[in-house]
Every structure is written in structure tokens, then in C-alpha cells.
Amino acid sequence: MQEGATCVSPELVLVCPELRAAMLADLPDVDPDAWLDRLRNRPVTTPEFQLMAFLADAPLPDEATPLPLAILAYTAASVTRFSIEAAVFLGLVVGLLSVVTVVHS
């Protein structure tokens, strides 16, 4: 806040035109197109380069998970995901066949 400025309630600024004009005059001048200049001046990089740079700068973990344990965890997660998707699919098929059976009976 500027030195010598007083605290003014935002509600008061909304209802008092003179106070609103004074507060707007106190605001700093801002270029509305400044964000466009930042976009134009930004260097263009491809996603592949960003990925490679990220991988090159990434530090290796101190304690890596042993490979057999990682394979086991991945396999368990994949089997679980597949089982859930298969159960949902079979439930939908059985439900659809039940509806068709009831309609044709």
C-alpha cells in the first residue's frame, strides 16, 4: 500500500463514485497486452526435448525398488485392473441379456 494511502472498504468504493474514481486513479498503469509479449518472447521447445531434458536432469533415486518387486507390483496392479474391468463388462452383458429375456417373455 502506498505511503499516506488510507484503507478503504471495497464496498464503499462500489457505492461512492468519487471514491471509486480516486481509487482507480491510484492504480498503477498496466499494459493489457503484456502477456502477449511474454508468449512471443518465450523460446519454442518441442515436447520431446523437454522430456529428454527432464530425464537428463533427474537425479537417480537413492533407494531404488528391486526389479523383481517392481515387476510383481506392476503385475498385481494390472491383474486387479483387468479383473475389475472384466467384472463390470460381464455385469453389463448379463444385465442386458436379462432385460432382453424379460422383454421377450
PDB file of N, CA and C in Angstrom:
ATOM      1  N   MET A   1       0.849  -1.184   0.000  1.00  0.00           N
ATOM      2  CA  MET A   1       0.000   0.000   0.000  1.00  0.00           C
ATOM      3  C   MET A   1       0.886   1.235   0.000  1.00  0.00           C
ATOM      4  N   GLN A   2       0.459   2.272  -0.664  1.00  0.00           N
ATOM      5  CA  GLN A   2       1.265   3.478  -0.779  1.00  0.00           C
ATOM      6  C   GLN A   2       1.296   4.224   0.546  1.00  0.00           C
ATOM      7  N   GLU A   3       2.376   4.958   0.710  1.00  0.00           N
ATOM      8  CA  GLU A   3       2.507   5.748   1.928  1.00  0.00           C
ATOM      9  C   GLU A   3       1.498   6.903   1.893  1.00  0.00           C
ATOM     10  N   GLY A   4       0.776   7.075   2.946  1.00  0.00           N
ATOM     11  CA  GLY A   4      -0.219   8.131   3.013  1.00  0.00           C
ATOM     12  C   GLY A   4      -1.585   7.692   2.524  1.00  0.00           C
ATOM     13  N   ALA A   5      -1.678   6.500   1.953  1.00  0.00           N
ATOM     14  CA  ALA A   5      -2.972   5.999   1.496  1.00  0.00           C
ATOM     15  C   ALA A   5      -3.751   5.476   2.686  1.00  0.00           C
ATOM     16  N   THR A   6      -5.037   5.591   2.602  1.00  0.00           N
ATOM     17  CA  THR A   6      -5.872   5.111   3.690  1.00  0.00           C
ATOM     18  C   THR A   6      -6.549   3.816   3.286  1.00  0.00           C
ATOM     19  N   CYS A   7      -6.882   3.014   4.268  1.00  0.00           N
ATOM     20  CA  CYS A   7      -7.613   1.779   3.995  1.00  0.00           C
ATOM     21  C   CYS A   7      -9.062   2.140   3.706  1.00  0.00           C
ATOM     22  N   VAL A   8      -9.556   1.641   2.602  1.00  0.00           N
ATOM     23  CA  VAL A   8     -10.921   1.929   2.197  1.00  0.00           C
ATOM     24  C   VAL A   8     -11.628   0.604   1.973  1.00  0.00           C
ATOM     25  N   SER A   9     -12.836   0.516   2.446  1.00  0.00           N
ATOM     26  CA  SER A   9     -13.629  -0.683   2.274  1.00  0.00           C
ATOM     27  C   SER A   9     -13.989  -0.869   0.804  1.00  0.00           C
ATOM     28  N   PRO A  10     -13.857  -2.087   0.260  1.00  0.00           N
ATOM     29  CA  PRO A  10     -14.234  -2.309  -1.146  1.00  0.00           C
ATOM     30  C   PRO A  10     -15.707  -2.008  -1.406  1.00  0.00           C
ATOM     31  N   GLU A  11     -16.546  -2.249  -0.416  1.00  0.00           N
ATOM     32  CA  GLU A  11     -17.967  -1.954  -0.590  1.00  0.00           C
ATOM     33  C   GLU A  11     -18.204  -0.455  -0.743  1.00  0.00           C
ATOM     34  N   LEU A  12     -17.447   0.332  -0.006  1.00  0.00           N
ATOM     35  CA  LEU A  12     -17.583   1.784  -0.077  1.00  0.00           C
ATOM     36  C   LEU A  12     -17.147   2.286  -1.462  1.00  0.00           C
ATOM     37  N   VAL A  13     -16.114   1.681  -2.018  1.00  0.00           N
ATOM     38  CA  VAL A  13     -15.653   2.065  -3.356  1.00  0.00           C
ATOM     39  C   VAL A  13     -16.721   1.745  -4.393  1.00  0.00           C
ATOM     40  N   LEU A  14     -17.478   0.686  -4.179  1.00  0.00           N
ATOM     41  CA  LEU A  14     -18.519   0.314  -5.137  1.00  0.00           C
ATOM     42  C   LEU A  14     -19.703   1.279  -5.125  1.00  0.00           C
ATOM     43  N   VAL A  15     -20.003   1.872  -3.993  1.00  0.00           N
ATOM     44  CA  VAL A  15     -21.197   2.717  -3.905  1.00  0.00           C
ATOM     45  C   VAL A  15     -20.903   4.209  -4.007  1.00  0.00           C
ATOM     46  N   CYS A  16     -19.649   4.599  -3.874  1.00  0.00           N
ATOM     47  CA  CYS A  16     -19.309   6.027  -3.918  1.00  0.00           C
ATOM     48  C   CYS A  16     -18.534   6.322  -5.204  1.00  0.00           C
ATOM     49  N   PRO A  17     -19.142   7.003  -6.179  1.00  0.00           N
ATOM     50  CA  PRO A  17     -18.460   7.254  -7.458  1.00  0.00           C
ATOM     51  C   PRO A  17     -17.177   8.074  -7.312  1.00  0.00           C
ATOM     52  N   GLU A  18     -17.172   9.057  -6.409  1.00  0.00           N
ATOM     53  CA  GLU A  18     -15.977   9.887  -6.241  1.00  0.00           C
ATOM     54  C   GLU A  18     -14.820   9.068  -5.681  1.00  0.00           C
ATOM     55  N   LEU A  19     -15.126   8.231  -4.696  1.00  0.00           N
ATOM     56  CA  LEU A  19     -14.095   7.396  -4.091  1.00  0.00           C
ATOM     57  C   LEU A  19     -13.596   6.362  -5.100  1.00  0.00           C
ATOM     58  N   ARG A  20     -14.496   5.841  -5.933  1.00  0.00           N
ATOM     59  CA  ARG A  20     -14.103   4.872  -6.953  1.00  0.00           C
ATOM     60  C   ARG A  20     -13.140   5.520  -7.946  1.00  0.00           C
ATOM     61  N   ALA A  21     -13.459   6.725  -8.376  1.00  0.00           N
ATOM     62  CA  ALA A  21     -12.584   7.432  -9.320  1.00  0.00           C
ATOM     63  C   ALA A  21     -11.214   7.687  -8.703  1.00  0.00           C
ATOM     64  N   ALA A  22     -11.195   8.053  -7.424  1.00  0.00           N
ATOM     65  CA  ALA A  22      -9.923   8.317  -6.756  1.00  0.00           C
ATOM     66  C   ALA A  22      -9.102   7.036  -6.633  1.00  0.00           C
ATOM     67  N   MET A  23      -9.739   5.928  -6.307  1.00  0.00           N
ATOM     68  CA  MET A  23      -9.022   4.659  -6.158  1.00  0.00           C
ATOM     69  C   MET A  23      -8.523   4.151  -7.507  1.00  0.00           C
ATOM     70  N   LEU A  24      -9.332   4.333  -8.572  1.00  0.00           N
ATOM     71  CA  LEU A  24      -8.887   3.936  -9.906  1.00  0.00           C
ATOM     72  C   LEU A  24      -7.704   4.774 -10.365  1.00  0.00           C
ATOM     73  N   ALA A  25      -7.686   6.048  -9.990  1.00  0.00           N
ATOM     74  CA  ALA A  25      -6.556   6.909 -10.347  1.00  0.00           C
ATOM     75  C   ALA A  25      -5.289   6.479  -9.623  1.00  0.00           C
ATOM     76  N   ASP A  26      -5.411   5.893  -8.445  1.00  0.00           N
ATOM     77  CA  ASP A  26      -4.251   5.445  -7.675  1.00  0.00           C
ATOM     78  C   ASP A  26      -3.661   4.132  -8.186  1.00  0.00           C
ATOM     79  N   LEU A  27      -4.424   3.392  -9.032  1.00  0.00           N
ATOM     80  CA  LEU A  27      -3.908   2.129  -9.543  1.00  0.00           C
ATOM     81  C   LEU A  27      -2.764   2.371 -10.516  1.00  0.00           C
ATOM     82  N   PRO A  28      -1.771   1.475 -10.536  1.00  0.00           N
ATOM     83  CA  PRO A  28      -0.659   1.651 -11.482  1.00  0.00           C
ATOM     84  C   PRO A  28      -1.112   1.349 -12.908  1.00  0.00           C
ATOM     85  N   ASP A  29      -0.423   1.964 -13.866  1.00  0.00           N
ATOM     86  CA  ASP A  29      -0.730   1.710 -15.269  1.00  0.00           C
ATOM     87  C   ASP A  29      -0.181   0.337 -15.647  1.00  0.00           C
ATOM     88  N   VAL A  30      -1.041  -0.472 -16.279  1.00  0.00           N
ATOM     89  CA  VAL A  30      -0.662  -1.818 -16.674  1.00  0.00           C
ATOM     90  C   VAL A  30      -0.945  -1.977 -18.164  1.00  0.00           C
ATOM     91  N   ASP A  31       0.019  -2.561 -18.870  1.00  0.00           N
ATOM     92  CA  ASP A  31      -0.161  -2.819 -20.294  1.00  0.00           C
ATOM     93  C   ASP A  31      -1.032  -4.056 -20.458  1.00  0.00           C
ATOM     94  N   PRO A  32      -2.216  -3.935 -21.079  1.00  0.00           N
ATOM     95  CA  PRO A  32      -3.102  -5.097 -21.210  1.00  0.00           C
ATOM     96  C   PRO A  32      -2.548  -6.167 -22.146  1.00  0.00           C
ATOM     97  N   ASP A  33      -1.598  -5.828 -23.016  1.00  0.00           N
ATOM     98  CA  ASP A  33      -1.032  -6.799 -23.946  1.00  0.00           C
ATOM     99  C   ASP A  33       0.316  -7.343 -23.480  1.00  0.00           C
ATOM    100  N   ALA A  34       0.668  -7.134 -22.223  1.00  0.00           N
ATOM    101  CA  ALA A  34       1.967  -7.586 -21.728  1.00  0.00           C
ATOM    102  C   ALA A  34       2.089  -9.101 -21.762  1.00  0.00           C
ATOM    103  N   TRP A  35       1.011  -9.804 -21.536  1.00  0.00           N
ATOM    104  CA  TRP A  35       1.081 -11.267 -21.544  1.00  0.00           C
ATOM    105  C   TRP A  35       1.368 -11.794 -22.948  1.00  0.00           C
ATOM    106  N   LEU A  36       0.935 -11.054 -23.987  1.00  0.00           N
ATOM    107  CA  LEU A  36       1.237 -11.460 -25.359  1.00  0.00           C
ATOM    108  C   LEU A  36       2.725 -11.353 -25.646  1.00  0.00           C
ATOM    109  N   ASP A  37       3.356 -10.306 -25.126  1.00  0.00           N
ATOM    110  CA  ASP A  37       4.798 -10.147 -25.322  1.00  0.00           C
ATOM    111  C   ASP A  37       5.566 -11.277 -24.650  1.00  0.00           C
ATOM    112  N   ARG A  38       5.121 -11.704 -23.476  1.00  0.00           N
ATOM    113  CA  ARG A  38       5.793 -12.818 -22.800  1.00  0.00           C
ATOM    114  C   ARG A  38       5.653 -14.090 -23.616  1.00  0.00           C
ATOM    115  N   LEU A  39       4.500 -14.310 -24.247  1.00  0.00           N
ATOM    116  CA  LEU A  39       4.321 -15.500 -25.073  1.00  0.00           C
ATOM    117  C   LEU A  39       5.170 -15.447 -26.336  1.00  0.00           C
ATOM    118  N   ARG A  40       5.264 -14.266 -26.943  1.00  0.00           N
ATOM    119  CA  ARG A  40       6.046 -14.133 -28.172  1.00  0.00           C
ATOM    120  C   ARG A  40       7.532 -14.324 -27.913  1.00  0.00           C
ATOM    121  N   ASN A  41       8.023 -13.881 -26.769  1.00  0.00           N
ATOM    122  CA  ASN A  41       9.450 -13.926 -26.468  1.00  0.00           C
ATOM    123  C   ASN A  41       9.893 -15.245 -25.855  1.00  0.00           C
ATOM    124  N   ARG A  42       8.949 -16.138 -25.563  1.00  0.00           N
ATOM    125  CA  ARG A  42       9.300 -17.419 -24.956  1.00  0.00           C
ATOM    126  C   ARG A  42       9.938 -18.317 -26.011  1.00  0.00           C
ATOM    127  N   PRO A  43      11.041 -18.992 -25.677  1.00  0.00           N
ATOM    128  CA  PRO A  43      11.667 -19.872 -26.665  1.00  0.00           C
ATOM    129  C   PRO A  43      10.774 -21.077 -26.956  1.00  0.00           C
ATOM    130  N   VAL A  44      10.779 -21.505 -28.200  1.00  0.00           N
ATOM    131  CA  VAL A  44       9.958 -22.631 -28.622  1.00  0.00           C
ATOM    132  C   VAL A  44      10.736 -23.920 -28.363  1.00  0.00           C
ATOM    133  N   THR A  45      10.116 -24.845 -27.647  1.00  0.00           N
ATOM    134  CA  THR A  45      10.736 -26.137 -27.406  1.00  0.00           C
ATOM    135  C   THR A  45       9.727 -27.220 -27.737  1.00  0.00           C
ATOM    136  N   THR A  46      10.223 -28.325 -28.191  1.00  0.00           N
ATOM    137  CA  THR A  46       9.346 -29.435 -28.514  1.00  0.00           C
ATOM    138  C   THR A  46       9.136 -30.291 -27.279  1.00  0.00           C
ATOM    139  N   PRO A  47       8.019 -30.997 -27.184  1.00  0.00           N
ATOM    140  CA  PRO A  47       7.780 -31.842 -26.008  1.00  0.00           C
ATOM    141  C   PRO A  47       8.847 -32.917 -25.842  1.00  0.00           C
ATOM    142  N   GLU A  48       9.371 -33.449 -26.969  1.00  0.00           N
ATOM    143  CA  GLU A  48      10.390 -34.480 -26.860  1.00  0.00           C
ATOM    144  C   GLU A  48      11.638 -33.928 -26.195  1.00  0.00           C
ATOM    145  N   PHE A  49      12.015 -32.702 -26.557  1.00  0.00           N
ATOM    146  CA  PHE A  49      13.199 -32.100 -25.960  1.00  0.00           C
ATOM    147  C   PHE A  49      12.975 -31.856 -24.474  1.00  0.00           C
ATOM    148  N   GLN A  50      11.783 -31.412 -24.102  1.00  0.00           N
ATOM    149  CA  GLN A  50      11.504 -31.183 -22.693  1.00  0.00           C
ATOM    150  C   GLN A  50      11.590 -32.479 -21.908  1.00  0.00           C
ATOM    151  N   LEU A  51      11.079 -33.574 -22.484  1.00  0.00           N
ATOM    152  CA  LEU A  51      11.150 -34.864 -21.805  1.00  0.00           C
ATOM    153  C   LEU A  51      12.596 -35.304 -21.652  1.00  0.00           C
ATOM    154  N   MET A  52      13.384 -35.164 -22.710  1.00  0.00           N
ATOM    155  CA  MET A  52      14.787 -35.566 -22.644  1.00  0.00           C
ATOM    156  C   MET A  52      15.544 -34.718 -21.627  1.00  0.00           C
ATOM    157  N   ALA A  53      15.264 -33.419 -21.598  1.00  0.00           N
ATOM    158  CA  ALA A  53      15.933 -32.549 -20.635  1.00  0.00           C
ATOM    159  C   ALA A  53      15.533 -32.921 -19.216  1.00  0.00           C
ATOM    160  N   PHE A  54      14.261 -33.266 -19.025  1.00  0.00           N
ATOM    161  CA  PHE A  54      13.810 -33.666 -17.696  1.00  0.00           C
ATOM    162  C   PHE A  54      14.507 -34.947 -17.258  1.00  0.00           C
ATOM    163  N   LEU A  55      14.590 -35.908 -18.162  1.00  0.00           N
ATOM    164  CA  LEU A  55      15.227 -37.173 -17.809  1.00  0.00           C
ATOM    165  C   LEU A  55      16.725 -37.000 -17.573  1.00  0.00           C
ATOM    166  N   ALA A  56      17.353 -36.100 -18.325  1.00  0.00           N
ATOM    167  CA  ALA A  56      18.781 -35.890 -18.159  1.00  0.00           C
ATOM    168  C   ALA A  56      19.091 -35.223 -16.819  1.00  0.00           C
ATOM    169  N   ASP A  57      18.197 -34.334 -16.365  1.00  0.00           N
ATOM    170  CA  ASP A  57      18.437 -33.610 -15.121  1.00  0.00           C
ATOM    171  C   ASP A  57      17.911 -34.340 -13.896  1.00  0.00           C
ATOM    172  N   ALA A  58      17.124 -35.388 -14.098  1.00  0.00           N
ATOM    173  CA  ALA A  58      16.512 -36.076 -12.964  1.00  0.00           C
ATOM    174  C   ALA A  58      17.569 -36.861 -12.196  1.00  0.00           C
ATOM    175  N   PRO A  59      17.674 -36.624 -10.907  1.00  0.00           N
ATOM    176  CA  PRO A  59      18.646 -37.398 -10.121  1.00  0.00           C
ATOM    177  C   PRO A  59      18.148 -38.827  -9.930  1.00  0.00           C
ATOM    178  N   LEU A  60      19.062 -39.735  -9.856  1.00  0.00           N
ATOM    179  CA  LEU A  60      18.692 -41.122  -9.613  1.00  0.00           C
ATOM    180  C   LEU A  60      18.259 -41.279  -8.165  1.00  0.00           C
ATOM    181  N   PRO A  61      17.241 -42.079  -7.905  1.00  0.00           N
ATOM    182  CA  PRO A  61      16.791 -42.254  -6.525  1.00  0.00           C
ATOM    183  C   PRO A  61      17.866 -42.969  -5.702  1.00  0.00           C
ATOM    184  N   ASP A  62      17.901 -42.631  -4.420  1.00  0.00           N
ATOM    185  CA  ASP A  62      18.899 -43.240  -3.533  1.00  0.00           C
ATOM    186  C   ASP A  62      18.581 -44.716  -3.318  1.00  0.00           C
ATOM    187  N   GLU A  63      17.342 -45.015  -3.047  1.00  0.00           N
ATOM    188  CA  GLU A  63      16.937 -46.388  -2.804  1.00  0.00           C
ATOM    189  C   GLU A  63      15.931 -46.785  -3.879  1.00  0.00           C
ATOM    190  N   ALA A  64      16.394 -47.528  -4.865  1.00  0.00           N
ATOM    191  CA  ALA A  64      15.515 -47.971  -5.940  1.00  0.00           C
ATOM    192  C   ALA A  64      14.816 -49.254  -5.509  1.00  0.00           C
ATOM    193  N   THR A  65      13.593 -49.453  -5.987  1.00  0.00           N
ATOM    194  CA  THR A  65      12.856 -50.679  -5.709  1.00  0.00           C
ATOM    195  C   THR A  65      13.516 -51.818  -6.481  1.00  0.00           C
ATOM    196  N   PRO A  66      13.728 -52.950  -5.851  1.00  0.00           N
ATOM    197  CA  PRO A  66      14.316 -54.084  -6.576  1.00  0.00           C
ATOM    198  C   PRO A  66      13.440 -54.480  -7.756  1.00  0.00           C
ATOM    199  N   LEU A  67      14.058 -54.875  -8.850  1.00  0.00           N
ATOM    200  CA  LEU A  67      13.335 -55.174 -10.078  1.00  0.00           C
ATOM    201  C   LEU A  67      12.289 -56.267  -9.908  1.00  0.00           C
ATOM    202  N   PRO A  68      12.576 -57.384  -9.243  1.00  0.00           N
ATOM    203  CA  PRO A  68      11.521 -58.402  -9.090  1.00  0.00           C
ATOM    204  C   PRO A  68      10.299 -57.883  -8.329  1.00  0.00           C
ATOM    205  N   LEU A  69      10.531 -57.060  -7.313  1.00  0.00           N
ATOM    206  CA  LEU A  69       9.415 -56.495  -6.547  1.00  0.00           C
ATOM    207  C   LEU A  69       8.613 -55.512  -7.404  1.00  0.00           C
ATOM    208  N   ALA A  70       9.292 -54.716  -8.232  1.00  0.00           N
ATOM    209  CA  ALA A  70       8.603 -53.778  -9.120  1.00  0.00           C
ATOM    210  C   ALA A  70       7.769 -54.532 -10.147  1.00  0.00           C
ATOM    211  N   ILE A  71       8.320 -55.613 -10.695  1.00  0.00           N
ATOM    212  CA  ILE A  71       7.570 -56.419 -11.665  1.00  0.00           C
ATOM    213  C   ILE A  71       6.343 -57.040 -11.010  1.00  0.00           C
ATOM    214  N   LEU A  72       6.503 -57.544  -9.799  1.00  0.00           N
ATOM    215  CA  LEU A  72       5.390 -58.144  -9.072  1.00  0.00           C
ATOM    216  C   LEU A  72       4.294 -57.121  -8.778  1.00  0.00           C
ATOM    217  N   ALA A  73       4.679 -55.922  -8.349  1.00  0.00           N
ATOM    218  CA  ALA A  73       3.701 -54.873  -8.049  1.00  0.00           C
ATOM    219  C   ALA A  73       2.958 -54.446  -9.319  1.00  0.00           C
ATOM    220  N   TYR A  74       3.696 -54.306 -10.425  1.00  0.00           N
ATOM    221  CA  TYR A  74       3.062 -53.917 -11.688  1.00  0.00           C
ATOM    222  C   TYR A  74       2.087 -54.993 -12.153  1.00  0.00           C
ATOM    223  N   THR A  75       2.501 -56.248 -12.048  1.00  0.00           N
ATOM    224  CA  THR A  75       1.645 -57.355 -12.474  1.00  0.00           C
ATOM    225  C   THR A  75       0.385 -57.426 -11.618  1.00  0.00           C
ATOM    226  N   ALA A  76       0.539 -57.263 -10.314  1.00  0.00           N
ATOM    227  CA  ALA A  76      -0.621 -57.302  -9.421  1.00  0.00           C
ATOM    228  C   ALA A  76      -1.597 -56.165  -9.739  1.00  0.00           C
ATOM    229  N   ALA A  77      -1.069 -54.978  -9.995  1.00  0.00           N
ATOM    230  CA  ALA A  77      -1.940 -53.846 -10.325  1.00  0.00           C
ATOM    231  C   ALA A  77      -2.645 -54.082 -11.655  1.00  0.00           C
ATOM    232  N   SER A  78      -1.936 -54.624 -12.633  1.00  0.00           N
ATOM    233  CA  SER A  78      -2.547 -54.881 -13.942  1.00  0.00           C
ATOM    234  C   SER A  78      -3.623 -55.952 -13.844  1.00  0.00           C
ATOM    235  N   VAL A  79      -3.361 -57.018 -13.090  1.00  0.00           N
ATOM    236  CA  VAL A  79      -4.351 -58.090 -12.931  1.00  0.00           C
ATOM    237  C   VAL A  79      -5.581 -57.563 -12.207  1.00  0.00           C
ATOM    238  N   THR A  80      -5.375 -56.764 -11.198  1.00  0.00           N
ATOM    239  CA  THR A  80      -6.508 -56.197 -10.452  1.00  0.00           C
ATOM    240  C   THR A  80      -7.352 -55.302 -11.357  1.00  0.00           C
ATOM    241  N   ARG A  81      -6.698 -54.442 -12.121  1.00  0.00           N
ATOM    242  CA  ARG A  81      -7.419 -53.541 -13.022  1.00  0.00           C
ATOM    243  C   ARG A  81      -8.192 -54.344 -14.065  1.00  0.00           C
ATOM    244  N   PHE A  82      -7.553 -55.371 -14.643  1.00  0.00           N
ATOM    245  CA  PHE A  82      -8.224 -56.199 -15.643  1.00  0.00           C
ATOM    246  C   PHE A  82      -9.418 -56.925 -15.039  1.00  0.00           C
ATOM    247  N   SER A  83      -9.261 -57.448 -13.822  1.00  0.00           N
ATOM    248  CA  SER A  83     -10.357 -58.180 -13.167  1.00  0.00           C
ATOM    249  C   SER A  83     -11.563 -57.278 -12.941  1.00  0.00           C
ATOM    250  N   ILE A  84     -11.313 -56.068 -12.511  1.00  0.00           N
ATOM    251  CA  ILE A  84     -12.416 -55.127 -12.260  1.00  0.00           C
ATOM    252  C   ILE A  84     -13.110 -54.775 -13.575  1.00  0.00           C
ATOM    253  N   GLU A  85     -12.328 -54.498 -14.622  1.00  0.00           N
ATOM    254  CA  GLU A  85     -12.930 -54.152 -15.911  1.00  0.00           C
ATOM    255  C   GLU A  85     -13.716 -55.332 -16.481  1.00  0.00           C
ATOM    256  N   ALA A  86     -13.189 -56.544 -16.341  1.00  0.00           N
ATOM    257  CA  ALA A  86     -13.891 -57.731 -16.845  1.00  0.00           C
ATOM    258  C   ALA A  86     -15.183 -57.962 -16.077  1.00  0.00           C
ATOM    259  N   ALA A  87     -15.160 -57.754 -14.745  1.00  0.00           N
ATOM    260  CA  ALA A  87     -16.370 -57.942 -13.942  1.00  0.00           C
ATOM    261  C   ALA A  87     -17.444 -56.927 -14.334  1.00  0.00           C
ATOM    262  N   VAL A  88     -17.049 -55.699 -14.566  1.00  0.00           N
ATOM    263  CA  VAL A  88     -18.016 -54.675 -14.980  1.00  0.00           C
ATOM    264  C   VAL A  88     -18.586 -55.022 -16.350  1.00  0.00           C
ATOM    265  N   PHE A  89     -17.741 -55.427 -17.274  1.00  0.00           N
ATOM    266  CA  PHE A  89     -18.203 -55.791 -18.615  1.00  0.00           C
ATOM    267  C   PHE A  89     -19.173 -56.968 -18.560  1.00  0.00           C
ATOM    268  N   LEU A  90     -18.804 -58.006 -17.808  1.00  0.00           N
ATOM    269  CA  LEU A  90     -19.691 -59.164 -17.702  1.00  0.00           C
ATOM    270  C   LEU A  90     -21.002 -58.803 -17.013  1.00  0.00           C
ATOM    271  N   GLY A  91     -20.948 -57.936 -16.018  1.00  0.00           N
ATOM    272  CA  GLY A  91     -22.175 -57.483 -15.369  1.00  0.00           C
ATOM    273  C   GLY A  91     -23.089 -56.753 -16.331  1.00  0.00           C
ATOM    274  N   LEU A  92     -22.508 -55.910 -17.182  1.00  0.00           N
ATOM    275  CA  LEU A  92     -23.320 -55.200 -18.174  1.00  0.00           C
ATOM    276  C   LEU A  92     -23.926 -56.163 -19.188  1.00  0.00           C
ATOM    277  N   VAL A  93     -23.153 -57.151 -19.638  1.00  0.00           N
ATOM    278  CA  VAL A  93     -23.661 -58.119 -20.609  1.00  0.00           C
ATOM    279  C   VAL A  93     -24.784 -58.946 -19.995  1.00  0.00           C
ATOM    280  N   VAL A  94     -24.586 -59.436 -18.755  1.00  0.00           N
ATOM    281  CA  VAL A  94     -25.623 -60.231 -18.091  1.00  0.00           C
ATOM    282  C   VAL A  94     -26.871 -59.387 -17.864  1.00  0.00           C
ATOM    283  N   GLY A  95     -26.701 -58.144 -17.462  1.00  0.00           N
ATOM    284  CA  GLY A  95     -27.854 -57.264 -17.266  1.00  0.00           C
ATOM    285  C   GLY A  95     -28.604 -57.019 -18.550  1.00  0.00           C
ATOM    286  N   LEU A  96     -27.874 -56.780 -19.641  1.00  0.00           N
ATOM    287  CA  LEU A  96     -28.512 -56.561 -20.929  1.00  0.00           C
ATOM    288  C   LEU A  96     -29.250 -57.810 -21.393  1.00  0.00           C
ATOM    289  N   LEU A  97     -28.635 -58.979 -21.236  1.00  0.00           N
ATOM    290  CA  LEU A  97     -29.307 -60.223 -21.615  1.00  0.00           C
ATOM    291  C   LEU A  97     -30.528 -60.489 -20.749  1.00  0.00           C
ATOM    292  N   SER A  98     -30.479 -60.131 -19.491  1.00  0.00           N
ATOM    293  CA  SER A  98     -31.635 -60.301 -18.604  1.00  0.00           C
ATOM    294  C   SER A  98     -32.785 -59.416 -19.046  1.00  0.00           C
ATOM    295  N   VAL A  99     -32.471 -58.183 -19.412  1.00  0.00           N
ATOM    296  CA  VAL A  99     -33.513 -57.263 -19.890  1.00  0.00           C
ATOM    297  C   VAL A  99     -34.131 -57.789 -21.177  1.00  0.00           C
ATOM    298  N   VAL A 100     -33.305 -58.297 -22.081  1.00  0.00           N
ATOM    299  CA  VAL A 100     -33.819 -58.824 -23.347  1.00  0.00           C
ATOM    300  C   VAL A 100     -34.694 -60.042 -23.092  1.00  0.00           C
ATOM    301  N   THR A 101     -34.284 -60.912 -22.150  1.00  0.00           N
ATOM    302  CA  THR A 101     -35.068 -62.097 -21.817  1.00  0.00           C
ATOM    303  C   THR A 101     -36.408 -61.705 -21.239  1.00  0.00           C
ATOM    304  N   VAL A 102     -36.457 -60.739 -20.360  1.00  0.00           N
ATOM    305  CA  VAL A 102     -37.711 -60.306 -19.738  1.00  0.00           C
ATOM    306  C   VAL A 102     -38.623 -59.682 -20.782  1.00  0.00           C
ATOM    307  N   VAL A 103     -38.075 -58.906 -21.701  1.00  0.00           N
ATOM    308  CA  VAL A 103     -38.880 -58.243 -22.711  1.00  0.00           C
ATOM    309  C   VAL A 103     -39.490 -59.269 -23.668  1.00  0.00           C
ATOM    310  N   HIS A 104     -38.757 -60.300 -24.050  1.00  0.00           N
ATOM    311  CA  HIS A 104     -39.257 -61.302 -24.993  1.00  0.00           C
ATOM    312  C   HIS A 104     -40.116 -62.379 -24.354  1.00  0.00           C
ATOM    313  N   SER A 105     -40.194 -62.413 -23.026  1.00  0.00           N
ATOM    314  CA  SER A 105     -41.010 -63.449 -22.378  1.00  0.00           C
ATOM    315  C   SER A 105     -42.471 -63.090 -22.356  1.00  0.00           C
TER     316      SER A 105
END
